[in-house]
């Protein structure tokens, strides 16, 4: 029996979808080009139930009606560190009426997170803390960074494994197309 990891599953889905590009909408091809793939396995509406740096608990249901990016990261992860400012700029670009960008730290202590955040642009983006590392198994995380895009109904619509430039014009356009299609 061959066992595939999540990266291999998502890559396979993108490759399979690429073989049928003529039948696909232009937006779907654009999203695949950006490295966003529909999850190969159905993920029930995921949970958060974790605090932000100020102690406020966040739930997926708090964002009903919005397209939500949930990006999982850690301070020790170089690709995570590199993409964090692009997520903050994306958050500001999209605004908060129809979108939310959440950065979920996995396993770091609040002091370490604060020290890291002092060094980067993170303005306008909630920083959530999963100090006990409970979410990786619930969100199928096998590495970092991983970002999921939730539809306005709270279901996982797309996923991305690895670093992205989230504030590029093409990515902003792609994320807006996800929201408009919902």
Protein backbone atom coordinates (compact mmCIF):
# COMPACT_ATOMS: atom_id res chain seq x y z
CA UNK A 1 0.00 0.00 0.00
CA UNK A 2 1.40 3.39 -1.01
CA UNK A 3 1.00 6.17 1.54
CA UNK A 4 0.94 9.73 0.30
CA UNK A 5 1.49 12.84 2.35
CA UNK A 6 -0.74 15.90 2.03
CA UNK A 7 1.70 17.72 -0.28
CA UNK A 8 1.70 14.75 -2.67
CA UNK A 9 -2.09 14.52 -2.57
CA UNK A 10 -2.56 18.24 -3.33
CA UNK A 11 0.11 18.13 -6.06
CA UNK A 12 -1.65 15.14 -7.62
CA UNK A 13 -4.96 16.97 -7.60
CA UNK A 14 -3.39 19.99 -9.28
CA UNK A 15 -1.74 17.76 -11.90
CA UNK A 16 -4.99 15.91 -12.57
CA UNK A 17 -6.93 19.14 -12.85
CA UNK A 18 -4.29 20.58 -15.19
CA UNK A 19 -4.98 17.78 -17.66
CA UNK A 20 -8.55 19.03 -18.02
CA UNK A 21 -7.84 22.77 -18.23
CA UNK A 22 -9.93 23.39 -21.38
CA UNK A 23 -13.07 22.33 -19.51
CA UNK A 24 -12.29 24.45 -16.47
CA UNK A 25 -13.24 28.01 -15.75
CA UNK A 26 -10.44 30.54 -16.18
CA UNK A 27 -10.54 31.34 -12.46
CA UNK A 28 -9.91 27.69 -11.49
CA UNK A 29 -6.88 27.51 -13.78
CA UNK A 30 -5.65 30.80 -12.33
CA UNK A 31 -5.96 29.45 -8.78
CA UNK A 32 -4.02 26.32 -9.69
CA UNK A 33 -1.31 28.46 -11.26
CA UNK A 34 -1.06 30.30 -7.93
CA UNK A 35 -0.52 26.99 -6.13
CA UNK A 36 -3.97 26.80 -4.59
CA UNK A 37 -5.64 23.40 -4.77
CA UNK A 38 -8.93 21.96 -3.66
CA UNK A 39 -8.22 19.52 -0.85
CA UNK A 40 -8.14 15.91 -2.04
CA UNK A 41 -9.82 14.75 1.16
CA UNK A 42 -13.00 16.26 2.49
CA UNK A 43 -12.35 18.25 5.63
CA UNK A 44 -15.31 18.83 7.90
CA UNK A 45 -15.77 22.39 8.99
CA UNK A 46 -12.60 22.81 11.01
CA UNK A 47 -12.38 24.34 14.43
CA UNK A 48 -10.15 26.98 15.97
CA UNK A 49 -11.20 27.72 19.57
CA UNK A 50 -7.87 29.39 20.34
CA UNK A 51 -6.91 32.84 21.65
CA UNK A 52 -5.26 35.71 19.90
CA UNK A 53 -2.40 37.61 21.55
CA UNK A 54 -4.90 39.68 23.57
CA UNK A 55 -6.65 36.56 24.89
CA UNK A 56 -9.81 36.77 22.74
CA UNK A 57 -10.98 33.29 21.66
CA UNK A 58 -11.55 32.85 17.91
CA UNK A 59 -13.96 30.34 16.34
CA UNK A 60 -14.52 29.61 12.64
CA UNK A 61 -18.16 30.61 13.16
CA UNK A 62 -17.05 34.13 14.12
CA UNK A 63 -16.23 34.67 10.44
CA UNK A 64 -19.40 33.28 8.83
CA UNK A 65 -20.11 35.12 5.61
CA UNK A 66 -16.45 35.95 5.01
CA UNK A 67 -13.78 34.27 2.93
CA UNK A 68 -11.13 33.37 5.51
CA UNK A 69 -7.45 32.55 5.08
CA UNK A 70 -6.12 30.52 7.99
CA UNK A 71 -2.35 30.39 7.79
CA UNK A 72 -0.42 28.09 10.12
CA UNK A 73 3.13 29.13 11.00
CA UNK A 74 5.89 29.02 13.62
CA UNK A 75 8.73 31.37 14.53
CA UNK A 76 11.36 28.71 13.78
CA UNK A 77 10.09 28.21 10.20
CA UNK A 78 12.04 30.34 7.63
CA UNK A 79 9.36 30.17 4.88
CA UNK A 80 6.72 31.14 7.46
CA UNK A 81 8.79 34.10 8.59
CA UNK A 82 9.20 35.23 5.00
CA UNK A 83 5.51 35.04 4.04
CA UNK A 84 4.05 36.64 7.21
CA UNK A 85 4.42 40.26 6.00
CA UNK A 86 2.74 39.33 2.70
CA UNK A 87 -0.22 37.93 4.66
CA UNK A 88 -0.48 41.17 6.65
CA UNK A 89 -0.42 43.26 3.47
CA UNK A 90 -3.05 40.93 1.94
CA UNK A 91 -5.24 41.42 4.99
CA UNK A 92 -5.05 45.20 4.63
CA UNK A 93 -5.63 45.00 0.85
CA UNK A 94 -8.76 42.84 1.19
CA UNK A 95 -10.23 44.69 4.16
CA UNK A 96 -12.39 43.15 6.85
CA UNK A 97 -15.91 43.44 5.40
CA UNK A 98 -15.82 40.25 3.32
CA UNK A 99 -12.46 38.72 4.27
CA UNK A 100 -10.36 37.67 7.25
CA UNK A 101 -6.71 36.64 7.32
CA UNK A 102 -5.75 34.73 10.46
CA UNK A 103 -2.18 33.76 11.32
CA UNK A 104 -2.19 30.73 13.64
CA UNK A 105 1.07 30.11 15.45
CA UNK A 106 1.74 26.49 16.29
CA UNK A 107 3.52 25.76 19.56
CA UNK A 108 5.51 28.92 20.32
CA UNK A 109 5.34 30.76 23.64
CA UNK A 110 3.71 34.23 23.61
CA UNK A 111 7.04 35.93 24.41
CA UNK A 112 8.75 34.31 21.43
CA UNK A 113 5.84 35.26 19.15
CA UNK A 114 5.93 38.87 20.39
CA UNK A 115 9.68 39.08 19.87
CA UNK A 116 9.32 37.83 16.29
CA UNK A 117 6.41 40.15 15.54
CA UNK A 118 8.49 43.13 16.68
CA UNK A 119 10.73 42.44 13.67
CA UNK A 120 8.09 42.19 10.92
CA UNK A 121 5.03 43.90 9.44
CA UNK A 122 1.95 42.17 10.86
CA UNK A 123 -0.35 45.16 11.23
CA UNK A 124 -4.04 44.42 10.72
CA UNK A 125 -3.81 40.64 10.97
CA UNK A 126 -4.97 38.71 14.04
CA UNK A 127 -2.25 36.46 15.46
CA UNK A 128 -3.74 33.37 17.08
CA UNK A 129 -1.88 30.95 19.35
CA UNK A 130 -2.14 27.17 19.42
CA UNK A 131 0.35 26.79 22.26
CA UNK A 132 -0.49 23.14 22.89
CA UNK A 133 -0.21 22.22 19.18
CA UNK A 134 -3.70 20.73 19.12
CA UNK A 135 -4.71 21.99 15.66
CA UNK A 136 -2.18 20.20 13.39
CA UNK A 137 -4.05 16.89 13.66
CA UNK A 138 -7.45 18.55 13.20
CA UNK A 139 -6.32 20.53 10.13
CA UNK A 140 -4.11 17.76 8.64
CA UNK A 141 -0.87 19.74 9.01
CA UNK A 142 2.28 17.80 8.20
CA UNK A 143 4.61 20.77 7.81
CA UNK A 144 4.60 24.56 7.80
CA UNK A 145 3.53 26.91 6.41
CA UNK A 146 0.11 25.65 5.40
CA UNK A 147 -2.77 27.94 4.50
CA UNK A 148 -6.41 27.02 4.04
CA UNK A 149 -9.00 29.24 2.42
CA UNK A 150 -12.48 28.85 3.88
CA UNK A 151 -15.61 29.72 1.96
CA UNK A 152 -18.11 32.16 3.48
CA UNK A 153 -20.03 29.12 4.79
CA UNK A 154 -16.92 27.99 6.72
CA UNK A 155 -15.95 25.02 4.56
CA UNK A 156 -12.40 24.43 3.33
CA UNK A 157 -12.35 25.54 -0.31
CA UNK A 158 -8.62 25.59 -1.12
CA UNK A 159 -5.29 24.85 0.47
CA UNK A 160 -1.67 25.80 -0.09
CA UNK A 161 1.38 24.05 1.29
CA UNK A 162 4.57 26.07 1.47
CA UNK A 163 5.43 29.71 1.12
CA UNK A 164 3.43 32.07 -1.10
CA UNK A 165 3.55 35.77 -1.90
CA UNK A 166 0.04 36.43 -0.66
CA UNK A 167 -0.13 40.11 -1.56
CA UNK A 168 0.79 39.77 -5.25
CA UNK A 169 -1.83 41.23 -7.59
CA UNK A 170 -2.46 37.78 -9.08
CA UNK A 171 -3.04 36.22 -5.64
CA UNK A 172 -5.32 39.07 -4.50
CA UNK A 173 -7.34 38.62 -7.70
CA UNK A 174 -7.49 34.85 -7.17
CA UNK A 175 -8.72 35.17 -3.59
CA UNK A 176 -11.34 37.69 -4.65
CA UNK A 177 -12.53 35.25 -7.32
CA UNK A 178 -13.00 32.58 -4.63
CA UNK A 179 -15.18 34.93 -2.63
CA UNK A 180 -17.20 36.04 -5.67
CA UNK A 181 -17.82 32.40 -6.69
CA UNK A 182 -19.29 31.58 -3.26
